[in-house]
Each structure stands twice: as C-alpha cells, then as structure tokens.
PDB file of N, CA and C in Angstrom:
ATOM      1  N   MET A   1     -69.212 -11.809 -25.261  1.00  0.00           N
ATOM      2  CA  MET A   1     -69.391 -11.255 -23.970  1.00  0.00           C
ATOM      3  C   MET A   1     -69.397  -9.901 -24.236  1.00  0.00           C
ATOM      4  N   VAL A   2     -70.146  -9.070 -23.569  1.00  0.00           N
ATOM      5  CA  VAL A   2     -70.284  -7.544 -23.864  1.00  0.00           C
ATOM      6  C   VAL A   2     -69.998  -6.990 -22.468  1.00  0.00           C
ATOM      7  N   LYS A   3     -69.231  -5.674 -22.568  1.00  0.00           N
ATOM      8  CA  LYS A   3     -68.853  -5.029 -21.416  1.00  0.00           C
ATOM      9  C   LYS A   3     -69.828  -3.853 -21.526  1.00  0.00           C
ATOM     10  N   HIS A   4     -70.773  -3.283 -20.564  1.00  0.00           N
ATOM     11  CA  HIS A   4     -71.595  -2.239 -20.608  1.00  0.00           C
ATOM     12  C   HIS A   4     -70.998  -1.298 -19.456  1.00  0.00           C
ATOM     13  N   ILE A   5     -70.375  -0.389 -19.796  1.00  0.00           N
ATOM     14  CA  ILE A   5     -70.007   0.918 -19.056  1.00  0.00           C
ATOM     15  C   ILE A   5     -70.780   2.243 -19.040  1.00  0.00           C
ATOM     16  N   VAL A   6     -71.119   2.541 -17.751  1.00  0.00           N
ATOM     17  CA  VAL A   6     -71.865   3.841 -17.817  1.00  0.00           C
ATOM     18  C   VAL A   6     -71.234   4.717 -16.534  1.00  0.00           C
ATOM     19  N   LEU A   7     -71.167   6.119 -16.689  1.00  0.00           N
ATOM     20  CA  LEU A   7     -70.711   7.005 -16.058  1.00  0.00           C
ATOM     21  C   LEU A   7     -71.762   8.055 -15.787  1.00  0.00           C
ATOM     22  N   TRP A   8     -71.924   8.494 -14.377  1.00  0.00           N
ATOM     23  CA  TRP A   8     -72.918   9.349 -14.311  1.00  0.00           C
ATOM     24  C   TRP A   8     -72.434  10.550 -13.222  1.00  0.00           C
ATOM     25  N   ASN A   9     -73.079  11.926 -13.214  1.00  0.00           N
ATOM     26  CA  ASN A   9     -72.966  12.981 -12.379  1.00  0.00           C
ATOM     27  C   ASN A   9     -74.106  12.870 -11.851  1.00  0.00           C
ATOM     28  N   LEU A  10     -73.978  12.940 -10.324  1.00  0.00           N
ATOM     29  CA  LEU A  10     -75.206  13.304  -9.542  1.00  0.00           C
ATOM     30  C   LEU A  10     -75.612  14.774  -9.339  1.00  0.00           C
ATOM     31  N   THR A  11     -76.850  15.105  -9.029  1.00  0.00           N
ATOM     32  CA  THR A  11     -77.365  16.347  -9.058  1.00  0.00           C
ATOM     33  C   THR A  11     -77.194  16.851  -7.485  1.00  0.00           C
ATOM     34  N   ASP A  12     -77.584  16.128  -6.523  1.00  0.00           N
ATOM     35  CA  ASP A  12     -77.721  17.132  -5.146  1.00  0.00           C
ATOM     36  C   ASP A  12     -76.473  16.842  -4.411  1.00  0.00           C
ATOM     37  N   PRO A  13     -75.732  17.863  -4.273  1.00  0.00           N
ATOM     38  CA  PRO A  13     -74.340  17.747  -3.719  1.00  0.00           C
ATOM     39  C   PRO A  13     -74.451  17.157  -2.124  1.00  0.00           C
ATOM     40  N   ALA A  14     -75.575  17.447  -1.339  1.00  0.00           N
ATOM     41  CA  ALA A  14     -75.473  17.204  -0.133  1.00  0.00           C
ATOM     42  C   ALA A  14     -75.826  15.675   0.215  1.00  0.00           C
ATOM     43  N   HIS A  15     -76.373  15.101  -0.926  1.00  0.00           N
ATOM     44  CA  HIS A  15     -76.745  13.627  -0.833  1.00  0.00           C
ATOM     45  C   HIS A  15     -75.947  12.673  -1.902  1.00  0.00           C
ATOM     46  N   LYS A  16     -74.898  13.149  -2.422  1.00  0.00           N
ATOM     47  CA  LYS A  16     -74.215  12.348  -3.290  1.00  0.00           C
ATOM     48  C   LYS A  16     -73.654  11.044  -2.657  1.00  0.00           C
ATOM     49  N   ASP A  17     -73.260  10.898  -1.617  1.00  0.00           N
ATOM     50  CA  ASP A  17     -72.843   9.749  -1.207  1.00  0.00           C
ATOM     51  C   ASP A  17     -74.030   8.979  -0.821  1.00  0.00           C
ATOM     52  N   GLU A  18     -75.027   9.200  -0.476  1.00  0.00           N
ATOM     53  CA  GLU A  18     -76.352   8.494  -0.203  1.00  0.00           C
ATOM     54  C   GLU A  18     -76.823   7.933  -1.698  1.00  0.00           C
ATOM     55  N   ASN A  19     -76.975   8.859  -2.488  1.00  0.00           N
ATOM     56  CA  ASN A  19     -77.467   8.396  -3.747  1.00  0.00           C
ATOM     57  C   ASN A  19     -76.731   7.444  -4.384  1.00  0.00           C
ATOM     58  N   ALA A  20     -75.295   7.512  -4.566  1.00  0.00           N
ATOM     59  CA  ALA A  20     -74.285   6.653  -5.076  1.00  0.00           C
ATOM     60  C   ALA A  20     -74.504   5.276  -4.538  1.00  0.00           C
ATOM     61  N   ALA A  21     -74.614   5.279  -3.048  1.00  0.00           N
ATOM     62  CA  ALA A  21     -74.730   3.929  -2.249  1.00  0.00           C
ATOM     63  C   ALA A  21     -75.795   3.236  -2.788  1.00  0.00           C
ATOM     64  N   GLN A  22     -77.145   3.905  -2.798  1.00  0.00           N
ATOM     65  CA  GLN A  22     -78.391   3.448  -3.339  1.00  0.00           C
ATOM     66  C   GLN A  22     -78.311   2.880  -4.896  1.00  0.00           C
ATOM     67  N   MET A  23     -77.473   3.691  -5.760  1.00  0.00           N
ATOM     68  CA  MET A  23     -77.425   3.174  -7.193  1.00  0.00           C
ATOM     69  C   MET A  23     -76.533   1.866  -7.085  1.00  0.00           C
ATOM     70  N   LYS A  24     -75.583   1.826  -6.179  1.00  0.00           N
ATOM     71  CA  LYS A  24     -74.646   0.740  -6.071  1.00  0.00           C
ATOM     72  C   LYS A  24     -75.604  -0.482  -5.790  1.00  0.00           C
ATOM     73  N   GLU A  25     -76.468  -0.448  -4.864  1.00  0.00           N
ATOM     74  CA  GLU A  25     -76.977  -1.427  -4.175  1.00  0.00           C
ATOM     75  C   GLU A  25     -78.195  -2.064  -5.205  1.00  0.00           C
ATOM     76  N   LYS A  26     -78.935  -0.996  -5.787  1.00  0.00           N
ATOM     77  CA  LYS A  26     -79.745  -1.405  -6.733  1.00  0.00           C
ATOM     78  C   LYS A  26     -79.283  -1.808  -8.054  1.00  0.00           C
ATOM     79  N   LEU A  27     -78.187  -1.312  -8.525  1.00  0.00           N
ATOM     80  CA  LEU A  27     -77.831  -1.890  -9.853  1.00  0.00           C
ATOM     81  C   LEU A  27     -77.055  -3.201  -9.584  1.00  0.00           C
ATOM     82  N   GLU A  28     -76.282  -3.315  -8.617  1.00  0.00           N
ATOM     83  CA  GLU A  28     -75.521  -4.707  -8.338  1.00  0.00           C
ATOM     84  C   GLU A  28     -76.476  -5.627  -8.030  1.00  0.00           C
ATOM     85  N   GLY A  29     -77.787  -5.301  -7.536  1.00  0.00           N
ATOM     86  CA  GLY A  29     -78.686  -6.416  -7.205  1.00  0.00           C
ATOM     87  C   GLY A  29     -79.396  -6.882  -8.217  1.00  0.00           C
ATOM     88  N   LEU A  30     -79.249  -6.296  -9.621  1.00  0.00           N
ATOM     89  CA  LEU A  30     -79.879  -6.962 -10.768  1.00  0.00           C
ATOM     90  C   LEU A  30     -78.945  -8.167 -11.324  1.00  0.00           C
ATOM     91  N   VAL A  31     -77.847  -8.423 -10.926  1.00  0.00           N
ATOM     92  CA  VAL A  31     -77.268  -9.766 -11.198  1.00  0.00           C
ATOM     93  C   VAL A  31     -78.110 -10.841 -10.422  1.00  0.00           C
ATOM     94  N   GLY A  32     -78.514 -11.811 -11.414  1.00  0.00           N
ATOM     95  CA  GLY A  32     -79.355 -12.801 -10.897  1.00  0.00           C
ATOM     96  C   GLY A  32     -80.700 -12.722 -10.999  1.00  0.00           C
ATOM     97  N   VAL A  33     -80.884 -11.479 -11.349  1.00  0.00           N
ATOM     98  CA  VAL A  33     -82.600 -11.101 -11.547  1.00  0.00           C
ATOM     99  C   VAL A  33     -82.666 -11.115 -13.127  1.00  0.00           C
ATOM    100  N   VAL A  34     -81.708 -10.337 -13.671  1.00  0.00           N
ATOM    101  CA  VAL A  34     -81.827 -10.044 -15.192  1.00  0.00           C
ATOM    102  C   VAL A  34     -81.106 -11.228 -15.843  1.00  0.00           C
ATOM    103  N   PRO A  35     -81.633 -11.970 -16.855  1.00  0.00           N
ATOM    104  CA  PRO A  35     -81.012 -12.987 -17.367  1.00  0.00           C
ATOM    105  C   PRO A  35     -79.809 -12.720 -18.321  1.00  0.00           C
ATOM    106  N   GLY A  36     -78.755 -13.049 -18.342  1.00  0.00           N
ATOM    107  CA  GLY A  36     -77.669 -12.795 -19.153  1.00  0.00           C
ATOM    108  C   GLY A  36     -76.748 -11.666 -18.539  1.00  0.00           C
ATOM    109  N   LEU A  37     -77.089 -11.007 -17.201  1.00  0.00           N
ATOM    110  CA  LEU A  37     -76.235 -10.265 -16.884  1.00  0.00           C
ATOM    111  C   LEU A  37     -75.237 -10.834 -15.600  1.00  0.00           C
ATOM    112  N   VAL A  38     -73.991 -11.053 -16.181  1.00  0.00           N
ATOM    113  CA  VAL A  38     -73.039 -11.784 -15.393  1.00  0.00           C
ATOM    114  C   VAL A  38     -72.631 -11.062 -14.245  1.00  0.00           C
ATOM    115  N   SER A  39     -72.192  -9.843 -14.338  1.00  0.00           N
ATOM    116  CA  SER A  39     -71.720  -9.371 -13.259  1.00  0.00           C
ATOM    117  C   SER A  39     -71.716  -7.538 -13.506  1.00  0.00           C
ATOM    118  N   ALA A  40     -71.915  -6.898 -12.333  1.00  0.00           N
ATOM    119  CA  ALA A  40     -71.944  -5.392 -12.264  1.00  0.00           C
ATOM    120  C   ALA A  40     -71.305  -4.945 -10.909  1.00  0.00           C
ATOM    121  N   GLN A  41     -70.375  -4.086 -11.367  1.00  0.00           N
ATOM    122  CA  GLN A  41     -69.585  -3.481 -10.239  1.00  0.00           C
ATOM    123  C   GLN A  41     -70.092  -1.907 -10.132  1.00  0.00           C
ATOM    124  N   VAL A  42     -70.423  -1.231  -9.146  1.00  0.00           N
ATOM    125  CA  VAL A  42     -70.687   0.387  -9.362  1.00  0.00           C
ATOM    126  C   VAL A  42     -69.797   0.811  -8.154  1.00  0.00           C
ATOM    127  N   GLY A  43     -69.014   1.903  -8.636  1.00  0.00           N
ATOM    128  CA  GLY A  43     -68.267   2.650  -7.514  1.00  0.00           C
ATOM    129  C   GLY A  43     -68.399   3.975  -7.593  1.00  0.00           C
ATOM    130  N   ARG A  44     -67.941   4.716  -6.515  1.00  0.00           N
ATOM    131  CA  ARG A  44     -68.090   5.976  -6.302  1.00  0.00           C
ATOM    132  C   ARG A  44     -66.913   6.828  -6.772  1.00  0.00           C
ATOM    133  N   GLY A  45     -66.959   7.445  -8.033  1.00  0.00           N
ATOM    134  CA  GLY A  45     -65.812   8.331  -8.705  1.00  0.00           C
ATOM    135  C   GLY A  45     -65.204   9.249  -7.637  1.00  0.00           C
ATOM    136  N   PHE A  46     -63.814   9.312  -7.805  1.00  0.00           N
ATOM    137  CA  PHE A  46     -62.879  10.291  -7.324  1.00  0.00           C
ATOM    138  C   PHE A  46     -62.311  11.531  -8.125  1.00  0.00           C
ATOM    139  N   ALA A  47     -62.653  11.219  -9.410  1.00  0.00           N
ATOM    140  CA  ALA A  47     -62.257  12.011 -10.534  1.00  0.00           C
ATOM    141  C   ALA A  47     -62.981  11.795 -11.657  1.00  0.00           C
ATOM    142  N   GLY A  48     -63.402  12.900 -12.217  1.00  0.00           N
ATOM    143  CA  GLY A  48     -64.385  12.871 -13.510  1.00  0.00           C
ATOM    144  C   GLY A  48     -65.437  12.657 -13.129  1.00  0.00           C
ATOM    145  N   PHE A  49     -66.318  11.525 -13.115  1.00  0.00           N
ATOM    146  CA  PHE A  49     -67.658  11.267 -12.913  1.00  0.00           C
ATOM    147  C   PHE A  49     -67.788  10.768 -11.472  1.00  0.00           C
ATOM    148  N   ASP A  50     -69.131  11.060 -10.954  1.00  0.00           N
ATOM    149  CA  ASP A  50     -69.441  10.699  -9.552  1.00  0.00           C
ATOM    150  C   ASP A  50     -69.698   9.212  -9.325  1.00  0.00           C
ATOM    151  N   VAL A  51     -70.206   8.477 -10.461  1.00  0.00           N
ATOM    152  CA  VAL A  51     -70.521   7.241 -10.075  1.00  0.00           C
ATOM    153  C   VAL A  51     -70.340   6.356 -11.523  1.00  0.00           C
ATOM    154  N   ALA A  52     -69.570   5.146 -11.325  1.00  0.00           N
ATOM    155  CA  ALA A  52     -69.321   4.125 -12.543  1.00  0.00           C
ATOM    156  C   ALA A  52     -70.010   3.004 -12.491  1.00  0.00           C
ATOM    157  N   LEU A  53     -70.584   2.380 -13.372  1.00  0.00           N
ATOM    158  CA  LEU A  53     -71.011   1.006 -13.497  1.00  0.00           C
ATOM    159  C   LEU A  53     -70.054   0.408 -14.567  1.00  0.00           C
ATOM    160  N   VAL A  54     -69.409  -0.736 -14.367  1.00  0.00           N
ATOM    161  CA  VAL A  54     -69.162  -1.708 -15.066  1.00  0.00           C
ATOM    162  C   VAL A  54     -69.564  -2.947 -15.004  1.00  0.00           C
ATOM    163  N   SER A  55     -70.327  -3.603 -16.004  1.00  0.00           N
ATOM    164  CA  SER A  55     -70.984  -4.585 -16.146  1.00  0.00           C
ATOM    165  C   SER A  55     -70.669  -5.621 -17.283  1.00  0.00           C
ATOM    166  N   GLU A  56     -70.850  -6.803 -17.170  1.00  0.00           N
ATOM    167  CA  GLU A  56     -70.579  -7.908 -18.097  1.00  0.00           C
ATOM    168  C   GLU A  56     -71.982  -8.468 -18.536  1.00  0.00           C
ATOM    169  N   LEU A  57     -72.371  -8.704 -19.643  1.00  0.00           N
ATOM    170  CA  LEU A  57     -73.552  -9.525 -20.150  1.00  0.00           C
ATOM    171  C   LEU A  57     -72.952 -10.586 -21.259  1.00  0.00           C
ATOM    172  N   ALA A  58     -73.770 -11.651 -21.316  1.00  0.00           N
ATOM    173  CA  ALA A  58     -73.578 -12.828 -21.995  1.00  0.00           C
ATOM    174  C   ALA A  58     -73.334 -12.282 -23.574  1.00  0.00           C
ATOM    175  N   ASP A  59     -74.131 -11.746 -24.212  1.00  0.00           N
ATOM    176  CA  ASP A  59     -73.801 -11.103 -25.516  1.00  0.00           C
ATOM    177  C   ASP A  59     -74.950  -9.853 -25.761  1.00  0.00           C
ATOM    178  N   ARG A  60     -74.774  -9.583 -26.952  1.00  0.00           N
ATOM    179  CA  ARG A  60     -75.678  -8.237 -27.530  1.00  0.00           C
ATOM    180  C   ARG A  60     -77.014  -8.707 -26.975  1.00  0.00           C
ATOM    181  N   ASP A  61     -77.391  -9.821 -27.245  1.00  0.00           N
ATOM    182  CA  ASP A  61     -78.943 -10.047 -27.099  1.00  0.00           C
ATOM    183  C   ASP A  61     -79.254  -9.897 -25.499  1.00  0.00           C
ATOM    184  N   ALA A  62     -78.368 -10.262 -24.720  1.00  0.00           N
ATOM    185  CA  ALA A  62     -78.617 -10.071 -23.318  1.00  0.00           C
ATOM    186  C   ALA A  62     -78.493  -8.571 -22.979  1.00  0.00           C
ATOM    187  N   LEU A  63     -77.739  -7.768 -23.549  1.00  0.00           N
ATOM    188  CA  LEU A  63     -77.872  -6.332 -23.443  1.00  0.00           C
ATOM    189  C   LEU A  63     -79.125  -6.014 -23.563  1.00  0.00           C
ATOM    190  N   ALA A  64     -79.772  -6.205 -24.951  1.00  0.00           N
ATOM    191  CA  ALA A  64     -81.206  -5.790 -25.154  1.00  0.00           C
ATOM    192  C   ALA A  64     -82.152  -6.190 -23.994  1.00  0.00           C
ATOM    193  N   VAL A  65     -81.945  -7.395 -23.554  1.00  0.00           N
ATOM    194  CA  VAL A  65     -82.937  -7.751 -22.656  1.00  0.00           C
ATOM    195  C   VAL A  65     -82.697  -6.972 -21.197  1.00  0.00           C
ATOM    196  N   TYR A  66     -81.695  -6.695 -21.115  1.00  0.00           N
ATOM    197  CA  TYR A  66     -81.162  -6.250 -19.789  1.00  0.00           C
ATOM    198  C   TYR A  66     -81.917  -4.688 -20.038  1.00  0.00           C
ATOM    199  N   GLN A  67     -81.718  -3.795 -21.156  1.00  0.00           N
ATOM    200  CA  GLN A  67     -82.012  -2.418 -21.146  1.00  0.00           C
ATOM    201  C   GLN A  67     -83.700  -2.589 -21.170  1.00  0.00           C
ATOM    202  N   ASP A  68     -84.552  -3.400 -21.351  1.00  0.00           N
ATOM    203  CA  ASP A  68     -85.779  -3.345 -21.245  1.00  0.00           C
ATOM    204  C   ASP A  68     -86.484  -4.306 -20.197  1.00  0.00           C
ATOM    205  N   HIS A  69     -85.763  -4.816 -19.304  1.00  0.00           N
ATOM    206  CA  HIS A  69     -86.183  -5.566 -18.141  1.00  0.00           C
ATOM    207  C   HIS A  69     -86.833  -5.023 -17.331  1.00  0.00           C
ATOM    208  N   PRO A  70     -88.154  -5.357 -16.627  1.00  0.00           N
ATOM    209  CA  PRO A  70     -88.712  -4.594 -15.784  1.00  0.00           C
ATOM    210  C   PRO A  70     -88.038  -4.206 -14.578  1.00  0.00           C
ATOM    211  N   ALA A  71     -87.006  -4.978 -14.001  1.00  0.00           N
ATOM    212  CA  ALA A  71     -86.192  -4.743 -12.847  1.00  0.00           C
ATOM    213  C   ALA A  71     -85.232  -3.505 -13.229  1.00  0.00           C
ATOM    214  N   HIS A  72     -84.813  -3.584 -14.527  1.00  0.00           N
ATOM    215  CA  HIS A  72     -83.839  -2.594 -14.550  1.00  0.00           C
ATOM    216  C   HIS A  72     -84.508  -1.324 -14.875  1.00  0.00           C
ATOM    217  N   MET A  73     -85.768  -1.468 -15.496  1.00  0.00           N
ATOM    218  CA  MET A  73     -86.338  -0.071 -15.578  1.00  0.00           C
ATOM    219  C   MET A  73     -86.858   0.440 -14.189  1.00  0.00           C
ATOM    220  N   GLU A  74     -87.074  -0.434 -13.511  1.00  0.00           N
ATOM    221  CA  GLU A  74     -87.478   0.300 -12.022  1.00  0.00           C
ATOM    222  C   GLU A  74     -86.007   0.864 -11.432  1.00  0.00           C
ATOM    223  N   VAL A  75     -84.882   0.345 -11.657  1.00  0.00           N
ATOM    224  CA  VAL A  75     -83.600   0.894 -11.070  1.00  0.00           C
ATOM    225  C   VAL A  75     -83.500   2.294 -11.824  1.00  0.00           C
ATOM    226  N   LYS A  76     -83.758   2.347 -13.171  1.00  0.00           N
ATOM    227  CA  LYS A  76     -83.546   3.296 -13.953  1.00  0.00           C
ATOM    228  C   LYS A  76     -84.436   4.729 -13.398  1.00  0.00           C
ATOM    229  N   LYS A  77     -85.701   4.564 -13.055  1.00  0.00           N
ATOM    230  CA  LYS A  77     -86.377   5.490 -12.514  1.00  0.00           C
ATOM    231  C   LYS A  77     -85.669   6.167 -11.514  1.00  0.00           C
ATOM    232  N   PHE A  78     -85.210   5.307 -10.562  1.00  0.00           N
ATOM    233  CA  PHE A  78     -84.383   6.120  -9.368  1.00  0.00           C
ATOM    234  C   PHE A  78     -83.125   6.750 -10.014  1.00  0.00           C
ATOM    235  N   VAL A  79     -82.623   5.987 -10.782  1.00  0.00           N
ATOM    236  CA  VAL A  79     -81.095   6.572 -11.227  1.00  0.00           C
ATOM    237  C   VAL A  79     -81.457   7.827 -11.907  1.00  0.00           C
ATOM    238  N   HIS A  80     -82.362   7.865 -12.779  1.00  0.00           N
ATOM    239  CA  HIS A  80     -82.719   9.121 -13.460  1.00  0.00           C
ATOM    240  C   HIS A  80     -83.348  10.303 -12.551  1.00  0.00           C
ATOM    241  N   SER A  81     -83.569   9.961 -11.570  1.00  0.00           N
ATOM    242  CA  SER A  81     -84.109  11.011 -10.466  1.00  0.00           C
ATOM    243  C   SER A  81     -82.994  11.907  -9.734  1.00  0.00           C
ATOM    244  N   VAL A  82     -81.682  11.247  -9.812  1.00  0.00           N
ATOM    245  CA  VAL A  82     -80.644  11.783  -9.016  1.00  0.00           C
ATOM    246  C   VAL A  82     -79.487  12.003  -9.785  1.00  0.00           C
ATOM    247  N   ILE A  83     -79.500  12.025 -11.161  1.00  0.00           N
ATOM    248  CA  ILE A  83     -78.522  12.259 -11.987  1.00  0.00           C
ATOM    249  C   ILE A  83     -78.594  13.603 -12.977  1.00  0.00           C
ATOM    250  N   SER A  84     -77.419  14.230 -13.141  1.00  0.00           N
ATOM    251  CA  SER A  84     -77.550  15.329 -14.061  1.00  0.00           C
ATOM    252  C   SER A  84     -76.832  15.125 -15.491  1.00  0.00           C
ATOM    253  N   GLU A  85     -75.959  13.874 -15.402  1.00  0.00           N
ATOM    254  CA  GLU A  85     -75.356  13.565 -16.587  1.00  0.00           C
ATOM    255  C   GLU A  85     -75.014  12.151 -16.751  1.00  0.00           C
ATOM    256  N   ARG A  86     -75.118  11.647 -17.963  1.00  0.00           N
ATOM    257  CA  ARG A  86     -74.719  10.232 -18.275  1.00  0.00           C
ATOM    258  C   ARG A  86     -74.074   9.955 -19.511  1.00  0.00           C
ATOM    259  N   VAL A  87     -73.080   9.124 -19.573  1.00  0.00           N
ATOM    260  CA  VAL A  87     -72.562   8.521 -20.729  1.00  0.00           C
ATOM    261  C   VAL A  87     -72.372   7.177 -20.663  1.00  0.00           C
ATOM    262  N   SER A  88     -72.141   6.389 -21.641  1.00  0.00           N
ATOM    263  CA  SER A  88     -72.064   5.224 -21.759  1.00  0.00           C
ATOM    264  C   SER A  88     -71.292   4.598 -22.989  1.00  0.00           C
ATOM    265  N   CYS A  89     -70.620   3.334 -22.689  1.00  0.00           N
ATOM    266  CA  CYS A  89     -70.106   2.722 -23.972  1.00  0.00           C
ATOM    267  C   CYS A  89     -70.223   1.312 -23.654  1.00  0.00           C
ATOM    268  N   ASP A  90     -70.659   0.557 -24.883  1.00  0.00           N
ATOM    269  CA  ASP A  90     -70.603  -1.023 -24.846  1.00  0.00           C
ATOM    270  C   ASP A  90     -69.670  -1.444 -25.969  1.00  0.00           C
ATOM    271  N   PHE A  91     -69.092  -2.487 -25.555  1.00  0.00           N
ATOM    272  CA  PHE A  91     -68.109  -3.310 -26.644  1.00  0.00           C
ATOM    273  C   PHE A  91     -68.120  -4.552 -26.214  1.00  0.00           C
ATOM    274  N   ASP A  92     -67.716  -5.583 -27.436  1.00  0.00           N
ATOM    275  CA  ASP A  92     -67.521  -6.888 -27.405  1.00  0.00           C
ATOM    276  C   ASP A  92     -66.166  -6.922 -26.788  1.00  0.00           C
ATOM    277  N   PHE A  93     -66.141  -8.270 -25.956  1.00  0.00           N
ATOM    278  CA  PHE A  93     -64.742  -8.618 -25.590  1.00  0.00           C
ATOM    279  C   PHE A  93     -64.703 -10.238 -25.744  1.00  0.00           C
TER     280      PHE A  93
END
C-alpha cells in the first residue's frame, strides 16, 4: 500500500472555504473511479496549510495510474486554478 499526502495553500481569501469544499468533493469523488485508489480524505486545515489530502493506493503502480488518470487530470485543473502552494509526500506502508 502507498500513502499519498498533499498539502495546499489557497489563493483567494474570500473563497477559501468554497474552494476547499469543491476540492474535497472532487478529490474524494475519485475513489471508485480511479483503479487502485482505495481511499481519499480531504480536510480544511486550521494550522499550516489550507487543505490536506490523505489517500491510500494499492501500490506504486496504482499511484502512477492515479497521477495520469483522465478523471484526476480534470480535478487537477480545478485545484491548480485555486492554489498558490503545494507540497506532497508518498510512502509505502
């Protein structure tokens, strides 16, 4: 199994809650759509970063499929339109 963690800061202070909610809906909605994506939890940060994704994938191959999956690419378009900063970490567990 692979844990995929991503943290983002959002750009528009007036719409942070709305954009975070849309990110949550879109990213969590990929479970069952992207093969090998076992779970995805998105939360609104209250310290550090504005939004966090913690997801589990079946293995490293599933992570590679997830990264290039058309549904994920569509979500990334939205995410990249509302963020100012992104960091990530992947690890086996």
